[in-house]
Protein backbone atom coordinates (compact mmCIF):
# COMPACT_ATOMS: atom_id res chain seq x y z
CA MET A 1 -16.74 17.07 -3.21
CA PRO A 2 -17.28 17.07 0.65
CA TYR A 3 -15.26 14.48 2.38
CA GLU A 4 -16.13 12.69 5.38
CA VAL A 5 -14.43 9.43 5.00
CA ILE A 6 -11.32 8.67 3.17
CA SER A 7 -9.65 5.24 3.25
CA ALA A 8 -5.82 5.57 3.13
CA ASP A 9 -5.30 1.87 2.64
CA CYS A 10 -7.22 0.07 -0.50
CA HIS A 11 -5.83 -2.04 -2.95
CA VAL A 12 -5.83 -2.82 -6.79
CA ASP A 13 -4.82 -6.60 -7.08
CA LEU A 14 -3.38 -8.22 -10.13
CA PRO A 15 -6.07 -11.04 -10.32
CA TRP A 16 -8.66 -8.31 -11.30
CA LEU A 17 -6.88 -6.64 -14.07
CA PRO A 18 -7.70 -6.76 -17.66
CA GLU A 19 -6.47 -10.15 -18.70
CA ASP A 20 -4.45 -8.79 -21.72
CA LEU A 21 -3.15 -5.69 -20.17
CA PHE A 22 0.48 -6.96 -19.74
CA THR A 23 0.71 -9.03 -22.76
CA GLY A 24 -0.82 -6.25 -25.03
CA GLU A 25 1.11 -3.47 -23.58
CA ALA A 26 4.63 -4.87 -23.40
CA PRO A 27 7.22 -4.72 -26.12
CA ALA A 28 7.63 -7.68 -28.33
CA GLU A 29 10.87 -8.76 -26.71
CA LEU A 30 8.89 -8.88 -23.21
CA ALA A 31 5.52 -9.89 -23.98
CA ASP A 32 6.11 -13.74 -23.52
CA ARG A 33 7.49 -12.98 -20.09
CA MET A 34 4.52 -11.21 -19.02
CA PRO A 35 1.55 -12.50 -16.74
CA TYR A 36 -1.49 -13.92 -18.55
CA VAL A 37 -4.54 -15.75 -17.93
CA GLU A 38 -4.73 -19.48 -18.71
CA GLU A 39 -7.62 -21.67 -19.02
CA THR A 40 -7.59 -24.94 -16.84
CA ASP A 41 -10.06 -27.52 -15.65
CA ALA A 42 -10.20 -25.77 -12.44
CA GLY A 43 -10.84 -22.26 -13.57
CA ARG A 44 -8.86 -19.51 -15.12
CA PHE A 45 -5.56 -18.49 -13.46
CA TRP A 46 -3.14 -15.94 -13.77
CA VAL A 47 0.34 -17.47 -14.62
CA SER A 48 3.76 -16.66 -16.49
CA ARG A 49 5.63 -19.07 -18.92
CA ASN A 50 8.55 -19.10 -16.24
CA GLY A 51 6.36 -20.87 -13.75
CA ALA A 52 5.03 -17.75 -11.59
CA ARG A 53 1.33 -18.34 -10.23
CA PHE A 54 -0.70 -15.21 -9.49
CA GLY A 55 -4.04 -16.85 -8.55
CA LEU A 56 -7.48 -17.17 -9.85
CA GLN A 57 -8.87 -14.59 -12.06
CA ASN A 58 -11.00 -12.20 -10.13
CA GLY A 59 -9.95 -14.32 -6.97
CA MET A 60 -10.00 -13.19 -3.30
CA GLY A 61 -7.10 -10.86 -1.99
CA SER A 62 -3.58 -10.16 -3.49
CA ALA A 63 -3.08 -13.97 -4.07
CA GLY A 64 -6.09 -14.66 -5.91
CA ARG A 65 -7.45 -17.32 -3.54
CA ARG A 66 -10.55 -19.12 -4.37
CA TYR A 67 -13.41 -17.94 -1.94
CA VAL A 68 -14.46 -20.60 0.39
CA PRO A 69 -17.66 -19.86 2.62
CA GLY A 70 -17.39 -19.92 6.37
CA GLN A 71 -13.54 -19.93 6.29
CA ILE A 72 -12.87 -16.17 6.78
CA HIS A 73 -15.52 -14.18 8.34
CA ARG A 74 -14.77 -10.89 6.55
CA SER A 75 -14.68 -12.70 3.34
CA ASP A 76 -17.98 -13.91 4.15
CA ARG A 77 -19.20 -10.39 4.62
CA MET A 78 -17.90 -9.35 1.31
CA ALA A 79 -19.40 -12.48 -0.36
CA GLU A 80 -22.83 -11.31 0.84
CA GLN A 81 -22.49 -8.30 -1.40
CA GLY A 82 -21.91 -10.58 -4.43
CA LEU A 83 -18.33 -9.47 -4.84
CA TYR A 84 -16.84 -13.03 -5.70
CA ARG A 85 -19.95 -14.05 -7.59
CA ASP A 86 -19.69 -11.06 -9.84
CA GLY A 87 -15.93 -11.91 -10.31
CA GLU A 88 -16.89 -15.39 -11.48
CA ALA A 89 -19.12 -13.87 -13.98
CA GLY A 90 -16.28 -11.67 -15.27
CA ILE A 91 -17.57 -8.70 -13.73
CA ARG A 92 -14.42 -6.57 -12.60
CA ARG A 93 -16.17 -4.74 -9.92
CA LEU A 94 -12.56 -3.83 -8.30
CA THR A 95 -10.91 -2.38 -11.67
CA GLU A 96 -13.86 -0.79 -13.43
CA PRO A 97 -13.91 2.90 -11.88
CA ASP A 98 -17.70 3.38 -11.64
CA LEU A 99 -18.25 -0.30 -10.18
CA ARG A 100 -15.48 0.40 -7.65
CA ILE A 101 -16.92 3.79 -6.66
CA ARG A 102 -20.29 2.17 -6.08
CA ASP A 103 -18.89 -0.46 -3.70
CA GLN A 104 -17.10 2.39 -1.81
CA ASP A 105 -20.46 4.26 -1.73
CA LEU A 106 -22.02 1.19 -0.11
CA ASP A 107 -19.46 1.33 2.69
CA GLY A 108 -19.63 5.33 3.07
CA VAL A 109 -16.16 6.18 1.61
CA GLN A 110 -15.78 9.01 -0.45
CA ALA A 111 -12.09 8.54 -1.53
CA GLU A 112 -9.39 5.94 -1.29
CA VAL A 113 -5.62 5.49 -1.74
CA LEU A 114 -4.75 2.55 -4.00
CA TYR A 115 -1.76 0.33 -3.23
CA GLY A 116 -0.80 -2.12 -6.12
CA ILE A 117 0.54 -5.16 -7.36
CA LEU A 118 4.25 -5.29 -6.13
CA GLY A 119 3.65 -8.61 -4.50
CA ALA A 120 2.83 -10.17 -7.88
CA ALA A 121 5.65 -8.49 -9.52
CA MET A 122 8.24 -9.83 -7.27
CA ARG A 123 6.97 -13.43 -7.72
CA LEU A 124 7.61 -13.12 -11.41
CA ASP A 125 11.23 -13.69 -10.46
CA ASP A 126 12.49 -11.82 -13.52
CA ASN A 127 13.90 -8.20 -12.92
CA ASP A 128 13.48 -6.82 -16.40
CA ALA A 129 10.13 -8.39 -17.01
CA ALA A 130 8.98 -6.93 -13.52
CA ASP A 131 10.09 -3.39 -14.26
CA GLU A 132 8.07 -3.52 -17.46
CA MET A 133 5.00 -4.91 -15.71
CA MET A 134 5.30 -2.12 -13.13
CA ARG A 135 5.49 0.40 -15.86
CA ILE A 136 2.48 -1.07 -17.56
CA TYR A 137 0.50 -0.99 -14.21
CA ASN A 138 1.46 2.58 -13.48
CA ALA A 139 0.33 3.69 -16.67
CA TRP A 140 -3.26 1.88 -16.57
CA LEU A 141 -3.55 3.17 -12.81
CA ALA A 142 -3.03 6.65 -13.85
CA ASP A 143 -5.66 6.20 -16.56
CA PHE A 144 -7.72 4.61 -13.85
CA CYS A 145 -7.41 7.56 -11.44
CA ALA A 146 -7.78 10.20 -14.01
CA THR A 147 -11.32 8.90 -14.64
CA HIS A 148 -12.21 10.29 -10.98
CA PRO A 149 -9.61 12.23 -9.43
CA ASP A 150 -11.77 13.26 -6.55
CA ARG A 151 -12.30 9.73 -5.61
CA PHE A 152 -8.96 7.87 -6.20
CA ALA A 153 -5.34 8.51 -5.23
CA GLY A 154 -2.93 6.04 -7.06
CA LEU A 155 0.32 4.79 -5.83
CA ALA A 156 2.97 4.22 -8.57
CA ASN A 157 4.63 0.97 -7.91
CA ILE A 158 8.48 1.47 -7.99
CA PRO A 159 11.07 -1.33 -8.04
CA SER A 160 13.73 -1.83 -5.29
CA HIS A 161 16.03 -4.06 -7.01
CA ASP A 162 17.64 -1.17 -8.82
CA VAL A 163 17.73 2.13 -7.64
CA ASP A 164 18.54 3.60 -11.17
CA ALA A 165 15.32 1.94 -12.59
CA ALA A 166 13.43 3.23 -9.55
CA VAL A 167 14.70 6.73 -10.12
CA ARG A 168 13.68 6.53 -13.83
CA GLU A 169 9.95 5.33 -12.93
CA VAL A 170 9.60 8.21 -10.28
CA ASP A 171 10.59 10.71 -13.18
CA ARG A 172 8.11 9.18 -15.48
CA VAL A 173 5.32 9.15 -13.07
CA ALA A 174 6.12 12.45 -11.90
CA ARG A 175 6.19 14.03 -15.39
CA ARG A 176 2.57 12.65 -16.02
CA GLY A 177 1.40 14.14 -12.78
CA VAL A 178 -1.61 12.15 -12.12
CA LEU A 179 -0.57 9.64 -9.44
CA SER A 180 -0.34 10.78 -5.70
CA GLY A 181 2.67 8.82 -4.29
CA ILE A 182 4.97 5.82 -4.95
CA GLU A 183 4.91 2.53 -3.23
CA VAL A 184 8.54 0.97 -3.04
CA ALA A 185 8.72 -2.96 -3.37
CA ASN A 186 9.28 -4.01 0.11
CA THR A 187 11.44 -7.21 0.06
CA HIS A 188 13.27 -9.23 2.78
CA ASP A 189 16.45 -9.00 0.74
CA MET A 190 16.51 -5.40 -0.39
CA ALA A 191 19.26 -3.01 0.78
CA PRO A 192 19.10 -1.52 4.30
CA LEU A 193 17.17 1.79 3.81
CA PHE A 194 20.21 3.64 5.59
CA ASP A 195 22.57 2.39 2.72
CA PRO A 196 23.74 5.35 0.64
CA CYS A 197 22.70 3.27 -2.48
CA TRP A 198 18.93 4.72 -1.93
CA GLU A 199 19.99 8.42 -1.81
CA PRO A 200 19.00 9.05 -5.39
CA LEU A 201 15.43 7.73 -4.73
CA TRP A 202 14.89 10.01 -1.66
CA ALA A 203 16.09 12.95 -3.71
CA ALA A 204 13.71 11.94 -6.74
CA ALA A 205 10.86 11.65 -4.43
CA GLU A 206 11.39 14.53 -2.38
CA ASP A 207 11.91 16.88 -5.72
CA ALA A 208 8.62 15.19 -7.26
CA GLY A 209 6.72 15.88 -4.09
CA LEU A 210 5.66 12.26 -3.94
CA PRO A 211 5.31 10.62 -0.40
CA VAL A 212 6.99 7.23 -0.36
CA HIS A 213 5.03 4.31 0.76
CA TYR A 214 6.22 0.87 2.26
CA HIS A 215 3.47 -1.73 2.55
CA THR A 216 3.54 -4.48 5.16
CA ILE A 217 4.63 -8.01 3.91
CA GLY A 218 4.87 -9.52 7.12
CA PRO A 219 8.06 -11.29 8.78
CA ARG A 220 10.22 -13.75 6.66
CA MET A 221 8.77 -17.16 6.94
CA ASP A 222 11.72 -19.21 8.15
CA TYR A 223 9.52 -22.42 9.31
CA ASP A 224 10.50 -25.82 7.80
CA PHE A 225 6.82 -26.34 6.68
CA GLU A 226 7.80 -29.63 5.10
CA SER A 227 8.67 -31.35 8.46
CA MET A 228 5.59 -30.07 10.15
CA SER A 229 2.39 -31.70 11.05
CA ALA A 230 -0.96 -30.12 9.57
CA LEU A 231 -1.56 -28.49 13.03
CA GLY A 232 2.01 -27.31 13.11
CA ARG A 233 1.51 -25.46 9.68
CA ARG A 234 -1.56 -23.89 10.81
CA GLN A 235 0.29 -22.77 14.16
CA ALA A 236 3.03 -21.43 12.17
CA PHE A 237 0.54 -19.54 9.79
CA ALA A 238 -1.25 -17.90 12.95
CA VAL A 239 2.09 -16.57 14.15
CA HIS A 240 2.69 -15.23 10.79
CA ILE A 241 -0.56 -13.69 10.44
CA THR A 242 -0.56 -12.25 13.89
CA SER A 243 2.79 -10.63 13.58
CA PHE A 244 2.35 -9.40 10.24
CA GLN A 245 2.52 -5.76 11.06
CA LEU A 246 5.59 -5.62 13.37
CA ALA A 247 7.91 -6.32 10.44
CA MET A 248 7.47 -2.53 9.77
CA ALA A 249 9.58 -1.51 12.82
CA LYS A 250 12.46 -2.33 10.79
CA ILE A 251 11.41 0.10 7.85
CA ILE A 252 10.72 3.20 10.65
CA MET A 253 14.19 2.37 12.29
CA GLU A 254 16.32 2.15 9.19
CA ILE A 255 14.72 5.48 7.57
CA ILE A 256 14.97 7.39 10.94
CA TYR A 257 18.29 6.19 12.15
CA GLY A 258 19.75 6.48 8.60
CA GLY A 259 19.30 10.14 8.69
CA VAL A 260 17.12 10.05 5.54
CA LEU A 261 14.31 12.43 7.17
CA GLU A 262 17.13 14.65 8.36
CA ALA A 263 18.75 15.14 4.87
CA HIS A 264 15.10 15.39 3.45
CA PRO A 265 12.93 17.32 5.42
CA GLY A 266 10.30 17.52 2.53
CA LEU A 267 10.12 13.84 2.14
CA LYS A 268 6.84 12.07 3.40
CA VAL A 269 6.86 8.56 4.49
CA VAL A 270 3.97 6.26 4.88
CA ILE A 271 3.91 2.74 6.27
CA GLY A 272 0.84 1.04 5.01
CA GLU A 273 -1.53 -1.40 6.80
CA SER A 274 1.20 -1.20 9.58
CA GLY A 275 -1.06 -0.97 12.56
CA ILE A 276 -0.45 1.61 15.27
CA GLY A 277 -0.45 0.11 18.44
CA TRP A 278 3.12 -0.90 18.56
CA ILE A 279 4.54 2.12 17.33
CA PRO A 280 4.75 4.28 20.61
CA TYR A 281 7.19 1.67 22.11
CA ILE A 282 9.33 1.89 18.99
CA LEU A 283 9.46 5.59 19.07
CA GLU A 284 10.21 5.78 22.78
CA HIS A 285 12.89 2.91 22.67
CA MET A 286 14.55 4.71 19.56
CA ASP A 287 14.69 8.07 21.52
CA LEU A 288 16.16 6.14 24.54
CA GLU A 289 18.71 4.49 22.67
CA TRP A 290 19.73 7.50 20.68
CA GLU A 291 20.08 9.61 24.13
CA ASP A 292 22.00 6.95 25.76
CA GLN A 293 24.40 5.75 22.83
CA PHE A 294 23.76 6.87 19.30
CA LYS A 295 24.03 10.64 19.25
CA ASP A 296 26.72 10.04 16.95
CA LEU A 297 24.17 9.28 14.14
CA THR A 298 23.55 12.19 11.64
CA LEU A 299 20.32 13.31 13.69
CA ALA A 300 19.68 16.70 14.95
CA MET A 301 16.50 15.90 16.72
CA LYS A 302 15.01 12.94 18.66
CA PRO A 303 13.84 10.02 16.46
CA SER A 304 10.19 10.68 17.55
CA GLU A 305 10.61 14.11 16.17
CA TYR A 306 11.27 12.94 13.01
CA TRP A 307 8.24 10.63 12.87
CA ARG A 308 6.04 13.57 14.01
CA ARG A 309 7.25 15.82 11.34
CA GLN A 310 7.40 13.20 8.31
CA CYS A 311 5.83 10.02 8.96
CA TYR A 312 2.29 8.36 8.66
CA ALA A 313 1.07 4.98 9.51
CA THR A 314 -2.34 3.37 8.38
CA TYR A 315 -4.55 0.82 10.28
CA GLN A 316 -7.86 -0.53 9.81
CA SER A 317 -8.79 -1.86 13.44
CA ASP A 318 -6.42 -0.77 16.23
CA PRO A 319 -8.35 0.16 19.46
CA ILE A 320 -5.05 0.02 21.52
CA GLY A 321 -3.32 2.29 19.11
CA ILE A 322 -6.11 4.94 19.44
CA ARG A 323 -5.58 4.94 23.07
CA LEU A 324 -1.94 6.11 22.40
CA LEU A 325 -2.43 9.00 20.07
CA ASP A 326 -0.94 11.35 22.48
CA ILE A 327 2.44 9.55 21.65
CA LEU A 328 1.78 8.63 17.97
CA GLY A 329 0.34 11.97 16.98
CA GLU A 330 -3.13 12.66 15.67
CA ASP A 331 -1.75 14.26 12.59
CA ASN A 332 0.38 10.98 11.74
CA VAL A 333 -2.33 8.19 11.79
CA MET A 334 -4.86 7.55 8.91
CA TRP A 335 -7.61 5.03 8.90
CA GLY A 336 -7.92 2.64 5.86
CA SER A 337 -10.47 -0.18 5.14
CA ASP A 338 -7.93 -2.40 3.22
CA PHE A 339 -10.63 -3.11 0.59
CA PRO A 340 -10.98 -5.52 -1.02
CA HIS A 341 -8.62 -7.92 1.02
CA PRO A 342 -10.11 -10.57 3.28
CA ASP A 343 -8.58 -9.08 6.38
CA GLY A 344 -10.19 -5.58 5.81
CA VAL A 345 -13.41 -4.23 7.20
CA TRP A 346 -15.37 -3.53 4.00
CA PRO A 347 -18.38 -3.29 3.99
CA ASP A 348 -18.70 -2.46 7.55
CA SER A 349 -16.28 0.51 7.98
CA GLN A 350 -18.70 2.69 9.50
CA GLU A 351 -19.30 0.26 12.39
CA PHE A 352 -15.54 -0.14 13.07
CA ILE A 353 -15.05 3.66 12.79
CA ALA A 354 -17.95 4.34 15.33
CA ARG A 355 -16.71 1.73 17.85
CA GLU A 356 -13.06 2.58 17.81
CA LEU A 357 -13.11 6.28 17.54
CA GLY A 358 -16.10 6.83 19.74
CA GLY A 359 -14.05 8.08 22.44
CA VAL A 360 -12.19 10.68 20.70
CA SER A 361 -13.09 14.26 19.90
CA GLY A 362 -14.91 15.02 16.67
CA LYS A 363 -11.97 17.16 15.74
CA THR A 364 -9.40 14.29 16.23
CA ARG A 365 -11.58 11.70 14.60
CA ARG A 366 -12.06 13.73 11.63
CA LYS A 367 -8.22 14.16 11.23
CA ILE A 368 -7.75 10.11 11.23
CA VAL A 369 -10.51 9.24 8.96
CA CYS A 370 -10.44 12.14 6.56
CA ASP A 371 -8.47 15.19 6.89
CA ASN A 372 -4.69 13.83 7.30
CA ALA A 373 -5.16 11.90 3.98
CA ALA A 374 -7.02 14.65 2.33
CA ARG A 375 -3.96 16.97 3.09
CA LEU A 376 -1.34 14.27 2.16
CA TYR A 377 -2.82 13.18 -1.24
CA GLY A 378 -4.46 16.64 -2.34
CA PHE A 379 -8.27 15.42 -2.21
CA GLY A 380 -10.29 18.45 -2.31
CA ARG A 381 -7.89 20.59 -4.28
CA SER A 382 -8.58 21.70 -7.75
CA THR A 383 -7.53 19.44 -10.57
CA SER A 384 -6.81 19.78 -14.11
CA SER A 385 -8.42 17.62 -16.91
CA THR A 386 -5.52 15.20 -16.38
CA GLY A 387 -6.53 14.63 -12.80
CA ARG A 388 -3.32 16.39 -11.49
CA SER A 389 -3.69 18.80 -8.44
CA THR A 390 -3.02 22.03 -9.65
CA SER A 391 -2.33 23.39 -6.20
CA TRP A 392 0.38 20.84 -5.43
CA PRO A 393 3.21 21.23 -8.16
CA ARG A 394 5.23 18.03 -8.81
CA THR A 395 8.41 19.20 -10.75
CA ILE A 396 11.83 17.58 -11.33
CA ASN A 397 14.48 19.94 -10.22
CA ARG A 398 17.45 17.78 -10.94
């Protein structure tokens, strides 16, 4: 199909998944540790028996919040399209392929990259159950994407608490061949990405030809909320939300300074929903510090050159970043709508694109909203009946 706009950052959230997915697919010894839907006086909620809470069934955003009119403008725009009303009626517009495509058609988006449920898996606070939860989700996502491989590029969810488990899941995903990348759990307590323990994961992803993704989770919330006034809690939350993307600087610096891209020149790394306006400063400052005092690191090039060769960032609205494309690299930036999250731009994506990219050339605009993602994820290439791209082999060489 002809592509004009591809969203490189969209989401599948646990509250919109089939309610018996995890309990029905888990082995017997793990079934009672899986998320399930519980009926309460306040509504139907996703929960687990160990006390984890995942939000209202078909609720708003990754946390399954209840939609409150007038609280968030972007949510109001989504509500005007009947999204939450349908969710309350049990119509899973976000996880029924044809219904989801209809919503993306409304927004002028011909294809999308699907980030997943890692935040929910981490909230389970049960590593073995979370690993199984991710395996079940990845199998479901592959089936979902295979229905319309020209419209969906799914990212397999990969644990970060156990590198051996991560590599096993990468191998399983690569053997099936439908999904288009891996999204590794991004947690505040995981080992630094320059730690040698990660080497098997880098090798597995490079061998499989699967781009590695880290999605922003925001900075660590270390405020003492219990001691704050209501106003103080709102102020702290405003700081957290406004600084959300800046935590991704750590991911970039650990991977590049760690020599990961030097050792694995075929590996591609994407930082999702990261914004882009802050990245030029990080790149320039990394180059400066490398030149000044860190040339003993295992890097043959400037840090910014690894960025240009192997890294990407997605954004939904960032007019400052667009003004810095000469430093960022127009081949390294991908637009995404963040659908269906309440800080996204659906169903007004075309308006945002026209306003923010009106000052760049048509060629550059097309790279950012279409061609970069099409190239990275294989949209437009021939596909087999399984949905796998036949011109992008993903083979395990180890």
